Structure formats: structure tokens, C-alpha cells
């Protein structure tokens, strides 16, 4: 099989705030011939795409797929045959619950070069913007990143005993629909019902909302607040720092008063 002259860049866009893009990600967006992007790439980041660059939406939500994964894989190969600079733009980090490795493997099988550009994953970015450190001396000595969603909406098949550790921070991606199961299984496995817990909706964006609660009460409180996807679930004693370290709400309040504390300078023509 002849090798394509194209390069597919698997680029992490981070959780939404364009200021969190890496310099390499921004440069590749500016140089791309075509950008294939998913549902979690924010509007603010899409606005950085120069005029004239072809944009292809391949977003997936639970039960609603604009394209399934096989179709996305085939699309990338088809585009690469046209010898283009292709950017596969993904929310967060492509290799952390982003199926980036599946797409990379498919490209390798078809003799197409790719590069991987890490993005800031939701666990670190959304927790930080919510004022929640993932680790803290004497409080949490480890972190677990866990998928809260299974194929075909089947029950989660996790080692709940290993997760029920009071010294570990648990971060569940795509866990909103599984909250009741998370609560039931973790409490049954030995984690205290009073363990602090949080849901962070639209983390890092100005529309960010936090639901601060306990493991036992979180499903009810999330429902009462009408927390919607995308939302990150954080369970552990570090959630107790959320009020003290709530820097982002303060920054947003100042911004709304007319002082641009974030000083955004990105433009599509830069």
C-alpha cells in the first residue's frame, strides 16, 4: 500500500476555554485545510478557525450520533487520500476517553501518518475552575479517572471495591446519567455516604455551574439544579475546598462588571 503524503493531527481542544489551547493546537488550527470536530469543541474555539477552512462536524452524544466511530475513521482516511493537512479536533484530550487511539490505530492500518497533540483534559481543567484540587497533602494522595458510561447504556462494570477509597479522588467522565448507580455501588462498596461530591457543568466556560453536595445527595441535587451534559462528576474529600478556592466565580463576576481579567487576544486572523 502506498503511503499518503497527508498528515492527520489528532488535536486536543481542551474543555472549552480557548485560552487553554496549547500553542501547537492553535497553530495547527490556523494551518489546516480541513478540520473534523466533535460536539465538545466549544463555539469560542470554533471561531478561531480561519475563513475558508473546510469544517466537518462529527459530533456524538449519548444515543445521538451524527456519525458513528467507524464512519469517522473512514472519513479521516478518505480525507488523507487528498493529501491535505487534516486536524481532528476533539474536546479535552484525544487519548483520555476521546477515542483518539482508535482513530490513530485505524490510520496506522491504512499507512497514514498521524501526530498526537495533547489537550488539557476535563478532569484537571474543570476541577481547577471549580476550585477543587485533585490531590492535597493529607487529604487525597491519588486520582482515578473513570468512564461513567458503557456501550449501549449497559450497567457500569467497575471494580467498586477498589474505587471506594477515602484517600482517592474519583473523577467520572460522562457520568451524569449513571449518578444513581454510582451512589449505590460506591456506598455499598464502603465509601461513606457523606463523602463530598460535585458535578461541574460546562467547566471552564462562563456558563459553568457547580453542584456541591455529598455522594448520597448528589443525584437529587443535580436533578434539582437541572445540571446538564457536559458535566464532570468529582467524588472525594478534596471537594471540601471548593468554596475556599472558588477563584473562577470571582473572575467571572469581575468580567461581567466590564473588567476583562482574562484579557483574551485570540482572533481567527492572528
C-alpha atoms as a PDB file:
ATOM      1  CA  UNK A   1       0.000   0.000   0.000  1.00  0.00           C
ATOM      2  CA  UNK A   2       1.355   3.428  -0.985  1.00  0.00           C
ATOM      3  CA  UNK A   3       1.879   5.843   1.857  1.00  0.00           C
ATOM      4  CA  UNK A   4      -0.241   9.005   1.808  1.00  0.00           C
ATOM      5  CA  UNK A   5       1.521  12.365   1.884  1.00  0.00           C
ATOM      6  CA  UNK A   6      -1.121  13.678   4.261  1.00  0.00           C
ATOM      7  CA  UNK A   7      -0.738  14.201   7.984  1.00  0.00           C
ATOM      8  CA  UNK A   8      -3.668  13.785  10.332  1.00  0.00           C
ATOM      9  CA  UNK A   9      -3.240  15.777  13.542  1.00  0.00           C
ATOM     10  CA  UNK A  10      -5.236  14.411  16.481  1.00  0.00           C
ATOM     11  CA  UNK A  11      -5.584  17.615  18.479  1.00  0.00           C
ATOM     12  CA  UNK A  12      -6.966  18.114  21.960  1.00  0.00           C
ATOM     13  CA  UNK A  13      -9.054  21.287  22.225  1.00  0.00           C
ATOM     14  CA  UNK A  14      -9.353  21.183  25.998  1.00  0.00           C
ATOM     15  CA  UNK A  15     -12.653  21.601  27.832  1.00  0.00           C
ATOM     16  CA  UNK A  16     -13.870  24.812  26.197  1.00  0.00           C
ATOM     17  CA  UNK A  17     -11.929  27.907  27.259  1.00  0.00           C
ATOM     18  CA  UNK A  18      -9.862  28.905  24.178  1.00  0.00           C
ATOM     19  CA  UNK A  19      -7.143  30.311  26.439  1.00  0.00           C
ATOM     20  CA  UNK A  20      -6.374  26.718  27.431  1.00  0.00           C
ATOM     21  CA  UNK A  21      -5.428  25.629  23.896  1.00  0.00           C
ATOM     22  CA  UNK A  22      -1.779  24.714  23.508  1.00  0.00           C
ATOM     23  CA  UNK A  23       0.276  26.859  21.142  1.00  0.00           C
ATOM     24  CA  UNK A  24       0.692  23.854  18.841  1.00  0.00           C
ATOM     25  CA  UNK A  25      -3.050  23.219  18.756  1.00  0.00           C
ATOM     26  CA  UNK A  26      -3.694  26.862  17.839  1.00  0.00           C
ATOM     27  CA  UNK A  27      -1.004  26.803  15.126  1.00  0.00           C
ATOM     28  CA  UNK A  28      -2.384  23.625  13.550  1.00  0.00           C
ATOM     29  CA  UNK A  29      -5.914  25.054  13.543  1.00  0.00           C
ATOM     30  CA  UNK A  30      -4.606  28.090  11.664  1.00  0.00           C
ATOM     31  CA  UNK A  31      -2.736  25.962   9.104  1.00  0.00           C
ATOM     32  CA  UNK A  32      -5.360  23.267   8.472  1.00  0.00           C
ATOM     33  CA  UNK A  33      -7.014  22.534   5.141  1.00  0.00           C
ATOM     34  CA  UNK A  34      -9.886  20.711   6.810  1.00  0.00           C
ATOM     35  CA  UNK A  35     -10.990  20.354  10.432  1.00  0.00           C
ATOM     36  CA  UNK A  36     -13.053  17.424  11.642  1.00  0.00           C
ATOM     37  CA  UNK A  37     -14.521  18.390  15.006  1.00  0.00           C
ATOM     38  CA  UNK A  38     -16.717  16.865  17.681  1.00  0.00           C
ATOM     39  CA  UNK A  39     -19.602  18.059  19.840  1.00  0.00           C
ATOM     40  CA  UNK A  40     -17.487  19.177  22.786  1.00  0.00           C
ATOM     41  CA  UNK A  41     -15.352  21.650  20.821  1.00  0.00           C
ATOM     42  CA  UNK A  42     -16.671  24.972  22.078  1.00  0.00           C
ATOM     43  CA  UNK A  43     -18.073  27.728  19.895  1.00  0.00           C
ATOM     44  CA  UNK A  44     -15.275  30.037  21.080  1.00  0.00           C
ATOM     45  CA  UNK A  45     -12.664  27.618  19.764  1.00  0.00           C
ATOM     46  CA  UNK A  46     -14.524  27.068  16.502  1.00  0.00           C
ATOM     47  CA  UNK A  47     -14.448  30.831  15.990  1.00  0.00           C
ATOM     48  CA  UNK A  48     -10.645  30.592  15.818  1.00  0.00           C
ATOM     49  CA  UNK A  49     -10.859  28.538  12.610  1.00  0.00           C
ATOM     50  CA  UNK A  50      -9.851  30.791   9.672  1.00  0.00           C
ATOM     51  CA  UNK A  51     -12.371  31.576   6.960  1.00  0.00           C
ATOM     52  CA  UNK A  52     -12.110  29.185   4.033  1.00  0.00           C
ATOM     53  CA  UNK A  53     -11.092  26.150   6.073  1.00  0.00           C
ATOM     54  CA  UNK A  54     -13.465  23.270   5.484  1.00  0.00           C
ATOM     55  CA  UNK A  55     -15.223  22.200   8.709  1.00  0.00           C
ATOM     56  CA  UNK A  56     -16.853  18.787   9.130  1.00  0.00           C
ATOM     57  CA  UNK A  57     -18.995  18.100  12.197  1.00  0.00           C
ATOM     58  CA  UNK A  58     -18.952  14.536  13.515  1.00  0.00           C
ATOM     59  CA  UNK A  59     -20.408  15.082  16.971  1.00  0.00           C
ATOM     60  CA  UNK A  60     -21.675  12.277  19.181  1.00  0.00           C
ATOM     61  CA  UNK A  61     -23.992  12.496  22.173  1.00  0.00           C
ATOM     62  CA  UNK A  62     -25.497   9.680  24.190  1.00  0.00           C
ATOM     63  CA  UNK A  63     -27.871   7.895  21.819  1.00  0.00           C
ATOM     64  CA  UNK A  64     -27.424  10.556  19.119  1.00  0.00           C
ATOM     65  CA  UNK A  65     -24.543  10.073  16.704  1.00  0.00           C
ATOM     66  CA  UNK A  66     -24.123  12.389  13.724  1.00  0.00           C
ATOM     67  CA  UNK A  67     -21.528   9.842  12.559  1.00  0.00           C
ATOM     68  CA  UNK A  68     -20.603   6.603  14.281  1.00  0.00           C
ATOM     69  CA  UNK A  69     -16.967   5.830  15.064  1.00  0.00           C
ATOM     70  CA  UNK A  70     -16.440   3.572  12.043  1.00  0.00           C
ATOM     71  CA  UNK A  71     -17.705   6.316   9.749  1.00  0.00           C
ATOM     72  CA  UNK A  72     -15.388   8.863  11.358  1.00  0.00           C
ATOM     73  CA  UNK A  73     -12.410   6.528  10.906  1.00  0.00           C
ATOM     74  CA  UNK A  74     -13.246   6.052   7.232  1.00  0.00           C
ATOM     75  CA  UNK A  75     -13.736   9.800   6.754  1.00  0.00           C
ATOM     76  CA  UNK A  76     -10.227  10.537   8.036  1.00  0.00           C
ATOM     77  CA  UNK A  77      -8.735   8.012   5.625  1.00  0.00           C
ATOM     78  CA  UNK A  78     -10.771   9.425   2.730  1.00  0.00           C
ATOM     79  CA  UNK A  79      -9.591  12.963   3.508  1.00  0.00           C
ATOM     80  CA  UNK A  80      -5.980  11.814   3.796  1.00  0.00           C
ATOM     81  CA  UNK A  81      -6.087  10.449   0.257  1.00  0.00           C
ATOM     82  CA  UNK A  82      -6.478  14.048  -0.919  1.00  0.00           C
ATOM     83  CA  UNK A  83      -3.105  14.947   0.652  1.00  0.00           C
ATOM     84  CA  UNK A  84      -4.460  17.577   2.984  1.00  0.00           C
ATOM     85  CA  UNK A  85      -3.437  18.933   6.353  1.00  0.00           C
ATOM     86  CA  UNK A  86      -6.179  17.402   8.447  1.00  0.00           C
ATOM     87  CA  UNK A  87      -6.927  18.395  12.017  1.00  0.00           C
ATOM     88  CA  UNK A  88      -9.110  16.020  14.008  1.00  0.00           C
ATOM     89  CA  UNK A  89     -10.215  18.379  16.757  1.00  0.00           C
ATOM     90  CA  UNK A  90     -11.513  16.769  19.942  1.00  0.00           C
ATOM     91  CA  UNK A  91     -12.748  18.207  23.216  1.00  0.00           C
ATOM     92  CA  UNK A  92     -10.408  17.591  26.138  1.00  0.00           C
ATOM     93  CA  UNK A  93      -7.561  15.198  25.358  1.00  0.00           C
ATOM     94  CA  UNK A  94      -7.896  12.737  22.448  1.00  0.00           C
ATOM     95  CA  UNK A  95      -6.301   9.874  24.389  1.00  0.00           C
ATOM     96  CA  UNK A  96      -8.418  10.236  27.544  1.00  0.00           C
ATOM     97  CA  UNK A  97     -11.896   8.845  26.829  1.00  0.00           C
ATOM     98  CA  UNK A  98     -11.700  10.553  23.430  1.00  0.00           C
ATOM     99  CA  UNK A  99     -11.267   7.513  21.152  1.00  0.00           C
ATOM    100  CA  UNK A 100      -8.172   9.147  19.722  1.00  0.00           C
ATOM    101  CA  UNK A 101      -6.206   5.923  19.991  1.00  0.00           C
ATOM    102  CA  UNK A 102      -8.889   4.083  17.987  1.00  0.00           C
ATOM    103  CA  UNK A 103      -8.592   6.646  15.205  1.00  0.00           C
ATOM    104  CA  UNK A 104      -4.785   6.548  15.358  1.00  0.00           C
ATOM    105  CA  UNK A 105      -4.781   2.744  15.048  1.00  0.00           C
ATOM    106  CA  UNK A 106      -7.086   2.939  12.038  1.00  0.00           C
ATOM    107  CA  UNK A 107      -4.797   5.477  10.364  1.00  0.00           C
ATOM    108  CA  UNK A 108      -1.747   3.289  11.008  1.00  0.00           C
ATOM    109  CA  UNK A 109      -3.504   0.307   9.421  1.00  0.00           C
ATOM    110  CA  UNK A 110      -4.090   2.417   6.321  1.00  0.00           C
ATOM    111  CA  UNK A 111      -0.480   3.636   6.176  1.00  0.00           C
ATOM    112  CA  UNK A 112      -1.356   7.238   7.015  1.00  0.00           C
ATOM    113  CA  UNK A 113       0.884   9.388   9.190  1.00  0.00           C
ATOM    114  CA  UNK A 114      -0.580  10.996  12.275  1.00  0.00           C
ATOM    115  CA  UNK A 115       0.565  13.135  15.173  1.00  0.00           C
ATOM    116  CA  UNK A 116      -0.922  13.472  18.628  1.00  0.00           C
ATOM    117  CA  UNK A 117      -1.324  16.868  20.280  1.00  0.00           C
ATOM    118  CA  UNK A 118      -2.393  16.553  23.924  1.00  0.00           C
ATOM    119  CA  UNK A 119      -5.126  18.783  25.271  1.00  0.00           C
ATOM    120  CA  UNK A 120      -5.972  19.706  28.849  1.00  0.00           C
ATOM    121  CA  UNK A 121      -8.378  17.017  29.956  1.00  0.00           C
ATOM    122  CA  UNK A 122     -11.628  17.857  31.732  1.00  0.00           C
ATOM    123  CA  UNK A 123     -10.515  16.237  34.993  1.00  0.00           C
ATOM    124  CA  UNK A 124      -7.727  18.743  35.574  1.00  0.00           C
ATOM    125  CA  UNK A 125      -9.309  21.796  33.928  1.00  0.00           C
ATOM    126  CA  UNK A 126     -12.897  21.580  35.185  1.00  0.00           C
ATOM    127  CA  UNK A 127     -11.828  20.678  38.706  1.00  0.00           C
ATOM    128  CA  UNK A 128      -9.386  23.591  38.796  1.00  0.00           C
ATOM    129  CA  UNK A 129     -12.009  26.049  37.518  1.00  0.00           C
ATOM    130  CA  UNK A 130     -14.400  24.696  40.159  1.00  0.00           C
ATOM    131  CA  UNK A 131     -11.862  25.335  42.926  1.00  0.00           C
ATOM    132  CA  UNK A 132     -11.309  21.626  43.554  1.00  0.00           C
ATOM    133  CA  UNK A 133      -7.725  20.320  43.723  1.00  0.00           C
ATOM    134  CA  UNK A 134      -7.487  16.706  42.600  1.00  0.00           C
ATOM    135  CA  UNK A 135      -4.825  15.971  45.203  1.00  0.00           C
ATOM    136  CA  UNK A 136      -3.983  17.632  48.508  1.00  0.00           C
ATOM    137  CA  UNK A 137      -1.448  16.647  51.130  1.00  0.00           C
ATOM    138  CA  UNK A 138      -3.128  14.702  53.895  1.00  0.00           C
ATOM    139  CA  UNK A 139      -6.472  14.647  52.049  1.00  0.00           C
ATOM    140  CA  UNK A 140      -6.065  12.847  48.723  1.00  0.00           C
ATOM    141  CA  UNK A 141      -2.922  11.052  47.602  1.00  0.00           C
ATOM    142  CA  UNK A 142      -4.204   9.645  44.308  1.00  0.00           C
ATOM    143  CA  UNK A 143      -6.682  10.275  41.488  1.00  0.00           C
ATOM    144  CA  UNK A 144      -8.747   7.864  39.413  1.00  0.00           C
ATOM    145  CA  UNK A 145     -10.142   8.907  36.018  1.00  0.00           C
ATOM    146  CA  UNK A 146     -13.134   6.708  35.215  1.00  0.00           C
ATOM    147  CA  UNK A 147     -15.700   6.444  32.469  1.00  0.00           C
ATOM    148  CA  UNK A 148     -19.248   6.768  33.751  1.00  0.00           C
ATOM    149  CA  UNK A 149     -20.782   5.414  30.568  1.00  0.00           C
ATOM    150  CA  UNK A 150     -20.846   1.958  28.984  1.00  0.00           C
ATOM    151  CA  UNK A 151     -21.673   0.918  25.443  1.00  0.00           C
ATOM    152  CA  UNK A 152     -25.374   0.505  24.710  1.00  0.00           C
ATOM    153  CA  UNK A 153     -26.168   2.101  28.089  1.00  0.00           C
ATOM    154  CA  UNK A 154     -25.387  -1.137  29.939  1.00  0.00           C
ATOM    155  CA  UNK A 155     -24.748  -1.032  33.712  1.00  0.00           C
ATOM    156  CA  UNK A 156     -21.234   0.045  34.662  1.00  0.00           C
ATOM    157  CA  UNK A 157     -18.863  -2.876  35.128  1.00  0.00           C
ATOM    158  CA  UNK A 158     -16.289  -1.429  37.529  1.00  0.00           C
ATOM    159  CA  UNK A 159     -14.243  -2.702  40.462  1.00  0.00           C
ATOM    160  CA  UNK A 160     -16.263  -0.771  43.021  1.00  0.00           C
ATOM    161  CA  UNK A 161     -14.259  -2.081  45.976  1.00  0.00           C
ATOM    162  CA  UNK A 162     -11.060  -0.608  44.574  1.00  0.00           C
ATOM    163  CA  UNK A 163     -12.804   2.727  43.965  1.00  0.00           C
ATOM    164  CA  UNK A 164     -14.185   3.037  47.498  1.00  0.00           C
ATOM    165  CA  UNK A 165     -11.014   4.619  48.889  1.00  0.00           C
ATOM    166  CA  UNK A 166     -11.374   7.727  51.059  1.00  0.00           C
ATOM    167  CA  UNK A 167      -7.814   8.842  50.161  1.00  0.00           C
ATOM    168  CA  UNK A 168      -8.519   8.821  46.415  1.00  0.00           C
ATOM    169  CA  UNK A 169     -10.284  11.437  44.298  1.00  0.00           C
ATOM    170  CA  UNK A 170     -12.696   9.859  41.809  1.00  0.00           C
ATOM    171  CA  UNK A 171     -13.404  11.719  38.577  1.00  0.00           C
ATOM    172  CA  UNK A 172     -16.167  10.325  36.378  1.00  0.00           C
ATOM    173  CA  UNK A 173     -16.439  11.371  32.755  1.00  0.00           C
ATOM    174  CA  UNK A 174     -19.884  11.076  31.142  1.00  0.00           C
ATOM    175  CA  UNK A 175     -21.330  10.023  34.486  1.00  0.00           C
ATOM    176  CA  UNK A 176     -24.407  12.219  34.734  1.00  0.00           C
ATOM    177  CA  UNK A 177     -26.869   9.553  33.596  1.00  0.00           C
ATOM    178  CA  UNK A 178     -25.259   6.966  35.898  1.00  0.00           C
ATOM    179  CA  UNK A 179     -25.272   9.032  39.087  1.00  0.00           C
ATOM    180  CA  UNK A 180     -27.795   6.865  40.942  1.00  0.00           C
ATOM    181  CA  UNK A 181     -25.779   3.758  40.137  1.00  0.00           C
ATOM    182  CA  UNK A 182     -22.520   5.453  41.172  1.00  0.00           C
ATOM    183  CA  UNK A 183     -24.020   6.408  44.528  1.00  0.00           C
ATOM    184  CA  UNK A 184     -25.488   2.960  45.181  1.00  0.00           C
ATOM    185  CA  UNK A 185     -22.418   0.970  44.192  1.00  0.00           C
ATOM    186  CA  UNK A 186     -19.836   3.169  45.932  1.00  0.00           C
ATOM    187  CA  UNK A 187     -21.770   3.275  49.203  1.00  0.00           C
ATOM    188  CA  UNK A 188     -22.332  -0.480  49.048  1.00  0.00           C
ATOM    189  CA  UNK A 189     -18.585  -0.918  48.454  1.00  0.00           C
ATOM    190  CA  UNK A 190     -17.809   1.004  51.645  1.00  0.00           C
ATOM    191  CA  UNK A 191     -17.422   4.675  50.715  1.00  0.00           C
ATOM    192  CA  UNK A 192     -19.181   6.933  53.201  1.00  0.00           C
ATOM    193  CA  UNK A 193     -22.496   8.398  52.079  1.00  0.00           C
ATOM    194  CA  UNK A 194     -21.259  11.737  53.470  1.00  0.00           C
ATOM    195  CA  UNK A 195     -18.235  11.834  51.153  1.00  0.00           C
ATOM    196  CA  UNK A 196     -18.138  15.271  49.483  1.00  0.00           C
ATOM    197  CA  UNK A 197     -19.144  15.184  45.818  1.00  0.00           C
ATOM    198  CA  UNK A 198     -19.635  17.670  42.997  1.00  0.00           C
ATOM    199  CA  UNK A 199     -20.943  17.971  39.467  1.00  0.00           C
ATOM    200  CA  UNK A 200     -19.385  20.643  37.247  1.00  0.00           C
ATOM    201  CA  UNK A 201     -21.421  21.657  34.217  1.00  0.00           C
ATOM    202  CA  UNK A 202     -19.750  23.419  31.254  1.00  0.00           C
ATOM    203  CA  UNK A 203     -16.458  23.562  33.108  1.00  0.00           C
ATOM    204  CA  UNK A 204     -14.072  26.444  32.203  1.00  0.00           C
ATOM    205  CA  UNK A 205     -16.790  28.319  30.292  1.00  0.00           C
ATOM    206  CA  UNK A 206     -18.560  31.445  31.535  1.00  0.00           C
ATOM    207  CA  UNK A 207     -21.712  29.299  31.735  1.00  0.00           C
ATOM    208  CA  UNK A 208     -20.019  26.967  34.241  1.00  0.00           C
ATOM    209  CA  UNK A 209     -22.169  25.811  37.164  1.00  0.00           C
ATOM    210  CA  UNK A 210     -21.188  23.806  40.236  1.00  0.00           C
ATOM    211  CA  UNK A 211     -23.362  21.481  42.265  1.00  0.00           C
ATOM    212  CA  UNK A 212     -21.616  20.861  45.597  1.00  0.00           C
ATOM    213  CA  UNK A 213     -23.094  18.046  47.623  1.00  0.00           C
ATOM    214  CA  UNK A 214     -22.375  14.631  49.104  1.00  0.00           C
ATOM    215  CA  UNK A 215     -22.224  11.224  47.493  1.00  0.00           C
ATOM    216  CA  UNK A 216     -25.639  10.340  48.902  1.00  0.00           C
ATOM    217  CA  UNK A 217     -27.351  13.603  47.928  1.00  0.00           C
ATOM    218  CA  UNK A 218     -25.662  14.390  44.609  1.00  0.00           C
ATOM    219  CA  UNK A 219     -28.220  12.678  42.300  1.00  0.00           C
ATOM    220  CA  UNK A 220     -31.061  14.578  43.958  1.00  0.00           C
ATOM    221  CA  UNK A 221     -29.236  17.914  43.997  1.00  0.00           C
ATOM    222  CA  UNK A 222     -28.166  17.566  40.355  1.00  0.00           C
ATOM    223  CA  UNK A 223     -31.800  16.987  39.422  1.00  0.00           C
ATOM    224  CA  UNK A 224     -32.961  19.962  41.495  1.00  0.00           C
ATOM    225  CA  UNK A 225     -30.403  22.247  39.820  1.00  0.00           C
ATOM    226  CA  UNK A 226     -31.146  20.847  36.342  1.00  0.00           C
ATOM    227  CA  UNK A 227     -27.460  20.149  35.734  1.00  0.00           C
ATOM    228  CA  UNK A 228     -26.994  19.061  32.127  1.00  0.00           C
ATOM    229  CA  UNK A 229     -24.299  17.481  29.983  1.00  0.00           C
ATOM    230  CA  UNK A 230     -21.419  18.067  29.582  1.00  0.00           C
ATOM    231  CA  UNK A 231     -20.792  17.637  33.274  1.00  0.00           C
ATOM    232  CA  UNK A 232     -17.926  16.135  35.243  1.00  0.00           C
ATOM    233  CA  UNK A 233     -18.504  14.232  38.491  1.00  0.00           C
ATOM    234  CA  UNK A 234     -15.907  14.581  41.266  1.00  0.00           C
ATOM    235  CA  UNK A 235     -16.108  12.494  44.438  1.00  0.00           C
ATOM    236  CA  UNK A 236     -13.708  12.828  47.351  1.00  0.00           C
ATOM    237  CA  UNK A 237     -12.717  14.934  50.334  1.00  0.00           C
ATOM    238  CA  UNK A 238     -10.984  17.485  48.087  1.00  0.00           C
ATOM    239  CA  UNK A 239     -14.441  18.781  47.130  1.00  0.00           C
ATOM    240  CA  UNK A 240     -14.464  20.481  50.549  1.00  0.00           C
ATOM    241  CA  UNK A 241     -12.008  23.055  49.154  1.00  0.00           C
ATOM    242  CA  UNK A 242     -14.489  24.249  46.508  1.00  0.00           C
ATOM    243  CA  UNK A 243     -15.845  27.203  48.484  1.00  0.00           C
ATOM    244  CA  UNK A 244     -12.477  28.421  49.755  1.00  0.00           C
ATOM    245  CA  UNK A 245     -10.732  28.142  46.380  1.00  0.00           C
ATOM    246  CA  UNK A 246     -13.571  29.425  44.183  1.00  0.00           C
ATOM    247  CA  UNK A 247     -11.430  31.781  42.097  1.00  0.00           C
ATOM    248  CA  UNK A 248     -13.343  31.415  38.815  1.00  0.00           C
ATOM    249  CA  UNK A 249     -16.694  32.717  40.037  1.00  0.00           C
ATOM    250  CA  UNK A 250     -14.897  35.827  41.300  1.00  0.00           C
ATOM    251  CA  UNK A 251     -13.108  36.301  37.982  1.00  0.00           C
ATOM    252  CA  UNK A 252     -16.389  35.908  36.102  1.00  0.00           C
ATOM    253  CA  UNK A 253     -18.100  38.465  38.337  1.00  0.00           C
ATOM    254  CA  UNK A 254     -15.318  40.981  37.627  1.00  0.00           C
ATOM    255  CA  UNK A 255     -15.547  40.257  33.906  1.00  0.00           C
ATOM    256  CA  UNK A 256     -19.287  40.894  33.923  1.00  0.00           C
ATOM    257  CA  UNK A 257     -18.598  44.288  35.532  1.00  0.00           C
ATOM    258  CA  UNK A 258     -16.603  45.254  32.457  1.00  0.00           C
ATOM    259  CA  UNK A 259     -13.036  44.423  33.506  1.00  0.00           C
ATOM    260  CA  UNK A 260     -11.532  41.839  31.171  1.00  0.00           C
ATOM    261  CA  UNK A 261      -9.432  39.953  33.714  1.00  0.00           C
ATOM    262  CA  UNK A 262      -8.761  37.163  31.242  1.00  0.00           C
ATOM    263  CA  UNK A 263      -7.500  39.531  28.516  1.00  0.00           C
ATOM    264  CA  UNK A 264      -8.280  37.263  25.583  1.00  0.00           C
ATOM    265  CA  UNK A 265      -6.267  38.143  22.485  1.00  0.00           C
ATOM    266  CA  UNK A 266      -7.020  35.265  20.083  1.00  0.00           C
ATOM    267  CA  UNK A 267      -8.549  36.107  16.721  1.00  0.00           C
ATOM    268  CA  UNK A 268      -9.057  33.944  13.667  1.00  0.00           C
ATOM    269  CA  UNK A 269      -6.826  36.284  11.636  1.00  0.00           C
ATOM    270  CA  UNK A 270      -3.919  36.268  14.091  1.00  0.00           C
END
